[in-house]
Protein backbone atom coordinates (compact mmCIF):
# COMPACT_ATOMS: atom_id res chain seq x y z
CA MET A 1 126.92 90.17 74.26
CA ASN A 2 128.67 87.47 76.26
CA TYR A 3 126.28 85.81 78.71
CA ASP A 4 128.84 83.30 80.08
CA VAL A 5 131.85 85.30 81.20
CA VAL A 6 135.31 84.17 82.28
CA LEU A 7 136.26 86.64 85.02
CA THR A 8 140.00 86.88 85.73
CA CYS A 9 141.53 88.71 88.69
CA ALA A 10 145.10 90.02 88.20
CA VAL A 11 146.01 90.15 91.86
CA THR A 12 149.30 92.07 92.09
CA GLY A 13 151.30 92.75 88.90
CA ALA A 14 154.89 93.94 88.96
CA GLY A 15 154.33 97.70 88.90
CA ASP A 16 155.24 100.27 91.53
CA THR A 17 151.94 100.06 93.42
CA THR A 18 152.96 98.55 96.75
CA GLY A 19 153.55 101.98 98.30
CA LYS A 20 150.23 103.30 97.02
CA SER A 21 147.91 100.77 98.65
CA PRO A 22 148.29 98.45 101.64
CA HIS A 23 146.05 95.94 99.85
CA VAL A 24 148.58 95.12 97.11
CA PRO A 25 149.99 91.70 98.08
CA VAL A 26 153.77 91.25 98.13
CA THR A 27 154.87 88.00 99.78
CA PRO A 28 153.99 84.59 98.35
CA LYS A 29 151.64 84.03 101.29
CA GLU A 30 149.87 87.36 100.66
CA ILE A 31 149.63 86.83 96.90
CA ALA A 32 148.23 83.32 97.34
CA ALA A 33 145.73 84.59 99.93
CA ALA A 34 144.63 87.34 97.53
CA ALA A 35 144.14 84.78 94.76
CA ILE A 36 142.09 82.55 97.05
CA GLU A 37 139.95 85.49 98.21
CA ALA A 38 139.36 86.52 94.59
CA ALA A 39 138.27 82.98 93.73
CA LYS A 40 135.90 82.88 96.68
CA ALA A 41 134.45 86.22 95.53
CA GLY A 42 133.64 84.61 92.20
CA ALA A 43 136.69 84.87 89.94
CA SER A 44 136.98 82.08 87.38
CA ALA A 45 140.76 82.59 87.06
CA VAL A 46 143.64 84.42 88.75
CA HIS A 47 146.53 86.05 86.90
CA ILE A 48 149.64 85.86 89.08
CA HIS A 49 152.92 87.76 89.29
CA ALA A 50 155.53 87.23 92.01
CA ARG A 51 157.25 90.00 93.96
CA ASP A 52 160.50 90.06 95.89
CA PRO A 53 159.36 89.84 99.53
CA GLU A 54 162.15 92.18 100.63
CA THR A 55 161.79 94.96 98.05
CA GLY A 56 158.28 94.52 96.74
CA GLN A 57 159.57 94.70 93.17
CA GLY A 58 158.46 92.25 90.50
CA SER A 59 160.39 88.98 90.46
CA ARG A 60 160.68 86.05 88.06
CA ASP A 61 162.15 83.69 90.68
CA PRO A 62 160.61 80.25 90.01
CA ALA A 63 160.75 79.40 93.73
CA LEU A 64 158.48 82.34 94.57
CA PHE A 65 155.99 81.37 91.86
CA LYS A 66 156.03 77.75 93.04
CA GLU A 67 155.27 78.77 96.61
CA ILE A 68 152.34 80.91 95.47
CA VAL A 69 150.92 78.23 93.19
CA ASP A 70 151.40 75.48 95.78
CA ARG A 71 149.58 77.56 98.40
CA VAL A 72 146.64 78.14 96.07
CA ARG A 73 146.43 74.49 95.05
CA ASP A 74 146.85 73.23 98.61
CA SER A 75 143.94 75.43 99.70
CA GLU A 76 141.65 73.24 97.55
CA THR A 77 140.02 76.43 96.25
CA ASP A 78 139.12 75.77 92.64
CA VAL A 79 140.39 78.50 90.31
CA VAL A 80 142.15 78.56 86.94
CA ILE A 81 145.79 79.58 87.42
CA ASN A 82 147.26 82.00 84.88
CA LEU A 83 150.93 82.93 85.38
CA THR A 84 152.62 85.92 83.83
CA ALA A 85 155.44 85.19 81.41
CA GLY A 86 156.06 88.84 80.62
CA MET A 87 159.22 89.43 82.63
CA GLY A 88 162.74 89.32 81.24
CA GLY A 89 162.26 91.71 78.33
CA ASP A 90 163.01 95.07 79.93
CA TRP A 91 165.64 97.22 78.20
CA ILE A 92 166.59 100.58 79.70
CA SER A 93 169.00 102.63 77.61
CA ASP A 94 172.10 104.01 79.28
CA ALA A 95 171.74 107.80 79.06
CA SER A 96 175.46 108.25 78.39
CA ASN A 97 175.60 105.46 75.79
CA PRO A 98 172.18 104.52 74.34
CA ALA A 99 173.67 101.48 72.61
CA MET A 100 174.28 99.86 76.00
CA PRO A 101 171.84 98.62 78.66
CA GLY A 102 171.39 100.89 81.65
CA PRO A 103 170.54 100.11 85.30
CA GLY A 104 167.35 98.09 85.64
CA THR A 105 167.70 96.26 82.32
CA ASP A 106 166.57 92.64 82.53
CA MET A 107 166.94 90.79 79.23
CA ILE A 108 166.86 86.98 79.07
CA GLY A 109 166.04 84.28 76.54
CA PRO A 110 162.75 82.43 75.97
CA GLU A 111 163.59 79.36 78.06
CA GLU A 112 164.51 81.46 81.09
CA ARG A 113 161.43 83.66 80.67
CA LEU A 114 159.36 80.48 81.02
CA ALA A 115 161.35 78.73 83.78
CA HIS A 116 158.61 79.32 86.38
CA VAL A 117 155.90 78.17 83.96
CA LYS A 118 157.73 74.89 83.37
CA GLU A 119 158.13 74.52 87.14
CA CYS A 120 154.46 75.16 88.00
CA LEU A 121 152.60 74.02 84.85
CA PRO A 122 149.57 76.32 85.23
CA GLU A 123 146.57 76.06 82.93
CA ILE A 124 147.43 79.43 81.30
CA CYS A 125 150.42 81.74 80.95
CA SER A 126 150.57 85.15 79.32
CA LEU A 127 152.48 85.77 76.09
CA ASP A 128 153.14 89.46 75.33
CA CYS A 129 152.98 89.50 71.53
CA GLY A 130 155.34 92.32 70.62
CA THR A 131 157.68 95.11 71.58
CA LEU A 132 156.34 98.29 73.19
CA ASN A 133 157.35 101.66 74.62
CA PHE A 134 155.98 100.73 78.02
CA SER A 135 156.33 104.11 79.71
CA ASP A 136 157.43 107.69 79.10
CA THR A 137 161.03 106.83 80.00
CA ASP A 138 163.96 105.17 78.21
CA MET A 139 162.51 101.75 79.08
CA ILE A 140 161.24 99.52 76.27
CA TYR A 141 159.71 96.06 76.56
CA ILE A 142 161.29 93.79 73.94
CA SER A 143 159.61 90.63 72.70
CA THR A 144 160.84 89.63 69.25
CA PRO A 145 159.21 87.21 66.77
CA PRO A 146 161.84 84.46 67.23
CA THR A 147 161.52 84.72 71.03
CA LEU A 148 157.74 84.57 70.87
CA ARG A 149 157.71 81.62 68.46
CA LYS A 150 160.04 79.68 70.76
CA MET A 151 157.94 80.51 73.83
CA ALA A 152 154.75 79.48 72.03
CA ALA A 153 156.31 76.17 70.99
CA LEU A 154 157.47 75.44 74.53
CA VAL A 155 154.14 76.10 76.24
CA GLN A 156 152.35 74.13 73.52
CA GLU A 157 154.65 71.18 74.31
CA TRP A 158 153.87 71.52 78.05
CA GLY A 159 150.11 71.76 77.57
CA VAL A 160 149.89 75.32 78.91
CA LYS A 161 147.50 77.68 77.11
CA PRO A 162 149.10 80.97 76.04
CA GLU A 163 146.99 84.04 76.70
CA MET A 164 148.27 86.30 73.94
CA GLU A 165 148.44 89.80 75.40
CA VAL A 166 148.15 92.37 72.61
CA PHE A 167 148.74 96.08 73.11
CA ASP A 168 148.11 97.28 69.56
CA LEU A 169 146.98 96.03 66.15
CA GLY A 170 150.47 94.99 65.08
CA HIS A 171 150.60 92.58 68.01
CA ILE A 172 147.36 90.98 66.82
CA ARG A 173 148.78 90.66 63.32
CA PHE A 174 151.78 88.71 64.62
CA ALA A 175 149.67 86.61 67.00
CA LYS A 176 147.49 85.56 64.06
CA ALA A 177 150.63 84.49 62.21
CA MET A 178 151.51 82.16 65.09
CA VAL A 179 147.99 80.72 64.96
CA GLU A 180 148.35 80.11 61.21
CA GLU A 181 151.75 78.47 61.78
CA GLY A 182 150.19 75.95 64.19
CA LEU A 183 152.01 77.25 67.27
CA ILE A 184 148.76 78.08 69.08
CA ASP A 185 146.12 75.42 69.78
CA ALA A 186 142.42 76.16 69.21
CA PRO A 187 140.72 78.18 70.37
CA PRO A 188 143.37 80.93 70.38
CA MET A 189 143.07 83.10 73.49
CA PHE A 190 143.65 86.87 73.41
CA GLN A 191 143.83 89.61 76.04
CA LEU A 192 143.20 93.10 74.63
CA CYS A 193 145.35 95.31 76.88
CA LEU A 194 144.04 98.87 76.88
CA GLY A 195 145.26 102.07 78.48
CA ILE A 196 148.93 101.11 78.91
CA GLN A 197 151.30 103.92 77.97
CA TRP A 198 152.01 103.85 74.94
CA GLY A 199 149.77 101.09 73.75
CA ALA A 200 146.19 101.10 72.55
CA ASP A 201 143.89 103.61 74.22
CA GLN A 202 141.11 102.42 76.51
CA THR A 203 138.01 103.32 74.51
CA VAL A 204 135.09 101.28 73.25
CA GLU A 205 136.06 102.19 69.69
CA THR A 206 139.58 100.84 70.18
CA MET A 207 138.33 97.64 71.76
CA ALA A 208 135.89 97.09 68.89
CA ALA A 209 138.59 97.73 66.31
CA MET A 210 140.94 95.22 67.94
CA LYS A 211 138.19 92.64 68.35
CA ALA A 212 137.43 92.94 64.63
CA GLN A 213 140.97 91.80 63.78
CA LEU A 214 140.88 88.60 65.86
CA PRO A 215 140.83 85.27 64.02
CA GLN A 216 137.59 83.34 63.62
CA GLY A 217 136.70 81.34 66.73
CA ALA A 218 139.11 83.17 69.04
CA SER A 219 138.35 83.57 72.72
CA TRP A 220 139.13 87.05 74.01
CA ALA A 221 139.06 89.24 77.08
CA SER A 222 139.98 92.84 77.71
CA PHE A 223 140.92 95.15 80.52
CA GLY A 224 141.30 98.86 81.20
CA ILE A 225 143.42 100.50 83.85
CA SER A 226 142.69 102.87 86.74
CA ARG A 227 139.24 104.46 86.47
CA GLY A 228 138.76 102.79 83.08
CA GLN A 229 138.73 99.31 84.59
CA MET A 230 135.00 98.86 85.16
CA PRO A 231 133.82 100.73 82.02
CA MET A 232 136.10 98.54 79.90
CA ALA A 233 134.83 95.45 81.73
CA ALA A 234 131.26 96.35 80.79
CA ALA A 235 132.30 97.11 77.20
CA ALA A 236 134.05 93.75 76.88
CA VAL A 237 130.94 91.88 77.99
CA ALA A 238 128.72 93.91 75.64
CA LEU A 239 131.06 93.17 72.71
CA GLY A 240 131.13 89.43 73.45
CA GLY A 241 134.34 89.14 75.44
CA ASN A 242 135.60 88.07 78.85
CA VAL A 243 136.81 90.33 81.64
CA ARG A 244 139.90 91.03 83.72
CA VAL A 245 140.00 93.19 86.85
CA GLY A 246 142.34 93.35 89.85
CA LEU A 247 144.97 95.38 91.67
CA GLU A 248 147.53 94.90 88.91
CA ASP A 249 145.53 97.34 86.79
CA ASN A 250 143.64 99.51 89.27
CA ILE A 251 143.87 100.06 93.04
CA TYR A 252 140.58 101.94 93.57
CA LEU A 253 137.03 100.71 94.14
CA ASP A 254 135.54 104.21 93.97
CA ARG A 255 137.04 107.68 93.78
CA GLY A 256 139.51 107.90 96.68
CA VAL A 257 138.51 104.48 98.06
CA LEU A 258 141.23 101.83 97.91
CA ALA A 259 140.05 98.39 96.82
CA THR A 260 140.91 94.81 97.60
CA ASN A 261 141.04 92.21 94.85
CA ALA A 262 137.92 90.53 96.21
CA GLN A 263 136.03 93.83 96.13
CA LEU A 264 136.98 94.41 92.49
CA VAL A 265 135.85 90.89 91.57
CA THR A 266 132.55 91.46 93.39
CA ARG A 267 132.02 94.78 91.61
CA ALA A 268 132.76 93.25 88.19
CA ARG A 269 130.51 90.26 88.90
CA GLU A 270 127.66 92.60 89.85
CA ILE A 271 128.09 94.54 86.60
CA ILE A 272 128.07 91.33 84.56
CA GLU A 273 124.96 90.08 86.34
CA ARG A 274 123.14 93.40 85.93
CA MET A 275 123.86 93.15 82.21
CA GLY A 276 122.10 89.79 82.14
CA GLY A 277 125.19 87.60 82.12
CA ARG A 278 126.88 85.36 84.64
CA VAL A 279 130.43 84.55 85.70
CA ILE A 280 131.21 80.95 84.86
CA THR A 281 132.90 78.53 87.23
CA PRO A 282 136.58 77.59 86.95
CA GLN A 283 135.67 74.19 85.50
CA GLU A 284 133.35 75.78 82.96
CA ALA A 285 136.23 78.11 82.03
CA ARG A 286 138.54 75.13 81.49
CA ASN A 287 135.97 73.56 79.23
CA LYS A 288 135.26 76.77 77.31
CA LEU A 289 138.92 77.64 76.74
CA ASN A 290 140.11 74.05 76.15
CA LEU A 291 142.54 74.12 79.07
CA ARG A 292 144.33 71.34 80.88
CA GLY A 293 141.70 69.68 83.08
CA ALA A 294 138.83 70.29 80.66
CA ASP A 295 136.11 67.66 80.72
CA ALA A 296 136.60 65.08 78.00
C-alpha cells in the first residue's frame, strides 16, 4: 500500500478524442488552463501533450509546448510539469508497398523528438521504452534501443527525469538495462501503461507481474484506460504505486457522463483518501522522485 501518492493528470494526449468530448483541451491556452485546474483539484503533476490549434491533432511543435509551459508557470500554480516525448516514432506502412512509409508517418531522430523538452526543461519527460503495435491498423510506434539510449543520455545531461513508459515486460527488461548502464539516475521512474492495444492488459494480475520485474528502489505509477481508469488507480495504490488519471486516457466520469480533468483528479483523490492514503504536494513529489527543484 502506498500512503503518500503522486497523482498525475494527463490532460489531453494526442489521440482522436477532441470530437468525442468538448472538455478535451486543444489550444495552448486551453491545455494550460486544464493543467492549472487539475493542479488546483489536487494533482501533484501534469502530463502534457500539445495539439495543433487548427486541426486538434497531436503536435510536437516546440513553440506550442513552450506557450503551454509558460502559461502554467506564469500562473504561479505549483505543479510538477511532465512533458511527453513520445511523438516522432509513428510508422504507417504504405498498403501498396509495405517497405515504404505511408500517409501519416512521422519518423524523426532522438534530438528532434526532444526539441521541446530542451526548450522547456520540465522536471519530467516521458520515455517510451520500446516498439509497439499501437492499434489494429498498419501503424506501429518505433522506439529502438539506440534511439532510447541517446534520448536517456540527453535528458540526463539536462537534468530532466525520464518517466519510462513501459507497455509490456520486454520494455521493462530494456529499461532496466539502461538503469544498469548508468543512463537513468536514481530512483528510476516507471509508468506501467495498461490497456493500450496491443500492449499489456489492464488487470490487477498484469500490474502485479510488471511491478515484480521493476528494479530495486524504483518509483512507479500505473494507469488504465476508459472504464478501467479508476479501478487501475485503486490497484496501483494498493500495490504500492502512484497514479495517473486524465482525459488522455479516459473521457468519462461515470457511465455516459463526460468528465473534466479536474473531476477525474477529484475522483482519484477521493479514492486514494478512502483507502487511507493521501495525495502529496508538488514539492513533496519533487523530493520523493529526486526531481529538479527537490529540497537539498
